[in-house]
Structure formats: C-alpha cells, structure tokens
Amino acid sequence: MKACVDTLVHVTERIEPDAEIAARYEERYQKFRKIYPAMKELFKELK
C-alpha cells in the first residue's frame, strides 16, 4: 500500500498555518462551543 501511495502522491507545496489567524479562530471557536447548546434548536431552523 505504501508503495502505491509513494508512486501516486506527490507533494508539490506545503502551506503552514498562520499562528495569529489560528489563535483568533480558536478563540472564536471556543465562544461558539459555549453558545451552541442554547442555539442548537435555532440552528436547525436555518436549513
């Protein structure tokens, strides 16, 4: 299996995450996790 992957998959570019953006995202994600239980039923109505 590894031989197949090594033959077919070729990494052409690697992009590292921006630490500042990741920190902002994490902060907002934690806020979302706090409000989600209260908003769960309303989110279903948005579909």
N, C-alpha and C. Protein backbone atom coordinates (compact mmCIF):
# COMPACT_ATOMS: atom_id res chain seq x y z
N MET A 1 0.82 -1.20 0.00
CA MET A 1 0.00 0.00 0.00
C MET A 1 0.86 1.26 0.00
N LYS A 2 1.90 1.29 0.86
CA LYS A 2 2.77 2.46 0.92
C LYS A 2 3.45 2.70 -0.43
N ALA A 3 3.81 1.64 -1.12
CA ALA A 3 4.44 1.79 -2.44
C ALA A 3 3.49 2.47 -3.41
N CYS A 4 2.21 2.13 -3.34
CA CYS A 4 1.21 2.77 -4.21
C CYS A 4 1.10 4.25 -3.89
N VAL A 5 1.03 4.57 -2.62
CA VAL A 5 0.93 5.97 -2.21
C VAL A 5 2.17 6.73 -2.67
N ASP A 6 3.33 6.17 -2.43
CA ASP A 6 4.58 6.84 -2.81
C ASP A 6 4.65 7.07 -4.32
N THR A 7 4.03 6.18 -5.09
CA THR A 7 4.04 6.31 -6.54
C THR A 7 3.03 7.35 -7.02
N LEU A 8 1.87 7.39 -6.39
CA LEU A 8 0.78 8.23 -6.89
C LEU A 8 0.70 9.62 -6.26
N VAL A 9 1.17 9.78 -5.05
CA VAL A 9 1.01 11.05 -4.35
C VAL A 9 2.33 11.80 -4.33
N HIS A 10 2.28 13.04 -4.80
CA HIS A 10 3.47 13.88 -4.83
C HIS A 10 3.13 15.24 -4.24
N VAL A 11 3.76 15.59 -3.14
CA VAL A 11 3.54 16.88 -2.50
C VAL A 11 4.29 17.92 -3.32
N THR A 12 3.55 18.91 -3.81
CA THR A 12 4.17 19.97 -4.62
C THR A 12 4.35 21.26 -3.85
N GLU A 13 3.55 21.41 -2.77
CA GLU A 13 3.64 22.64 -1.98
C GLU A 13 3.13 22.35 -0.58
N ARG A 14 3.74 22.93 0.40
CA ARG A 14 3.30 22.77 1.79
C ARG A 14 3.02 24.16 2.34
N ILE A 15 1.84 24.34 2.90
CA ILE A 15 1.45 25.63 3.46
C ILE A 15 1.27 25.46 4.97
N GLU A 16 2.01 26.23 5.73
CA GLU A 16 1.94 26.18 7.18
C GLU A 16 0.89 27.17 7.67
N PRO A 17 0.17 26.83 8.72
CA PRO A 17 -0.86 27.74 9.24
C PRO A 17 -0.26 29.01 9.82
N ASP A 18 -1.00 30.09 9.69
CA ASP A 18 -0.62 31.37 10.27
C ASP A 18 -1.02 31.33 11.75
N ALA A 19 -0.05 31.43 12.65
CA ALA A 19 -0.31 31.29 14.08
C ALA A 19 -1.29 32.33 14.60
N GLU A 20 -1.21 33.54 14.12
CA GLU A 20 -2.12 34.61 14.58
C GLU A 20 -3.57 34.31 14.16
N ILE A 21 -3.75 33.90 12.93
CA ILE A 21 -5.09 33.57 12.46
C ILE A 21 -5.63 32.35 13.19
N ALA A 22 -4.80 31.36 13.42
CA ALA A 22 -5.21 30.16 14.13
C ALA A 22 -5.64 30.49 15.56
N ALA A 23 -4.95 31.39 16.21
CA ALA A 23 -5.30 31.79 17.58
C ALA A 23 -6.64 32.51 17.60
N ARG A 24 -6.88 33.39 16.63
CA ARG A 24 -8.18 34.09 16.56
C ARG A 24 -9.30 33.10 16.31
N TYR A 25 -9.06 32.17 15.39
CA TYR A 25 -10.07 31.15 15.10
C TYR A 25 -10.38 30.34 16.36
N GLU A 26 -9.37 29.91 17.09
CA GLU A 26 -9.56 29.10 18.29
C GLU A 26 -10.38 29.85 19.33
N GLU A 27 -10.08 31.14 19.51
CA GLU A 27 -10.83 31.96 20.47
C GLU A 27 -12.32 32.00 20.10
N ARG A 28 -12.59 32.24 18.83
CA ARG A 28 -13.98 32.32 18.38
C ARG A 28 -14.66 30.95 18.42
N TYR A 29 -13.93 29.91 18.12
CA TYR A 29 -14.49 28.56 18.18
C TYR A 29 -14.91 28.21 19.60
N GLN A 30 -14.10 28.59 20.58
CA GLN A 30 -14.45 28.31 21.98
C GLN A 30 -15.70 29.08 22.39
N LYS A 31 -15.88 30.29 21.89
CA LYS A 31 -17.10 31.05 22.17
C LYS A 31 -18.30 30.35 21.54
N PHE A 32 -18.14 29.90 20.31
CA PHE A 32 -19.22 29.17 19.63
C PHE A 32 -19.61 27.93 20.42
N ARG A 33 -18.62 27.20 20.93
CA ARG A 33 -18.92 25.99 21.70
C ARG A 33 -19.73 26.29 22.95
N LYS A 34 -19.53 27.48 23.52
CA LYS A 34 -20.30 27.86 24.70
C LYS A 34 -21.75 28.18 24.35
N ILE A 35 -21.98 28.86 23.22
CA ILE A 35 -23.35 29.26 22.88
C ILE A 35 -24.12 28.18 22.13
N TYR A 36 -23.45 27.22 21.54
CA TYR A 36 -24.12 26.22 20.71
C TYR A 36 -25.25 25.48 21.43
N PRO A 37 -25.05 24.99 22.66
CA PRO A 37 -26.15 24.25 23.31
C PRO A 37 -27.45 25.07 23.39
N ALA A 38 -27.33 26.37 23.65
CA ALA A 38 -28.51 27.22 23.74
C ALA A 38 -29.13 27.49 22.37
N MET A 39 -28.33 27.46 21.33
CA MET A 39 -28.79 27.81 19.99
C MET A 39 -29.09 26.60 19.11
N LYS A 40 -28.84 25.41 19.60
CA LYS A 40 -28.93 24.19 18.79
C LYS A 40 -30.25 24.07 18.04
N GLU A 41 -31.36 24.29 18.71
CA GLU A 41 -32.67 24.17 18.06
C GLU A 41 -32.87 25.26 17.01
N LEU A 42 -32.37 26.45 17.26
CA LEU A 42 -32.49 27.52 16.27
C LEU A 42 -31.67 27.22 15.03
N PHE A 43 -30.51 26.62 15.19
CA PHE A 43 -29.67 26.28 14.04
C PHE A 43 -30.42 25.34 13.11
N LYS A 44 -31.22 24.43 13.65
CA LYS A 44 -31.99 23.50 12.82
C LYS A 44 -32.97 24.25 11.92
N GLU A 45 -33.50 25.37 12.39
CA GLU A 45 -34.44 26.17 11.61
C GLU A 45 -33.79 26.91 10.45
N LEU A 46 -32.49 27.06 10.47
CA LEU A 46 -31.79 27.81 9.43
C LEU A 46 -31.64 27.04 8.13
N LYS A 47 -31.91 25.74 8.16
CA LYS A 47 -31.73 24.91 6.95
C LYS A 47 -32.75 25.21 5.91
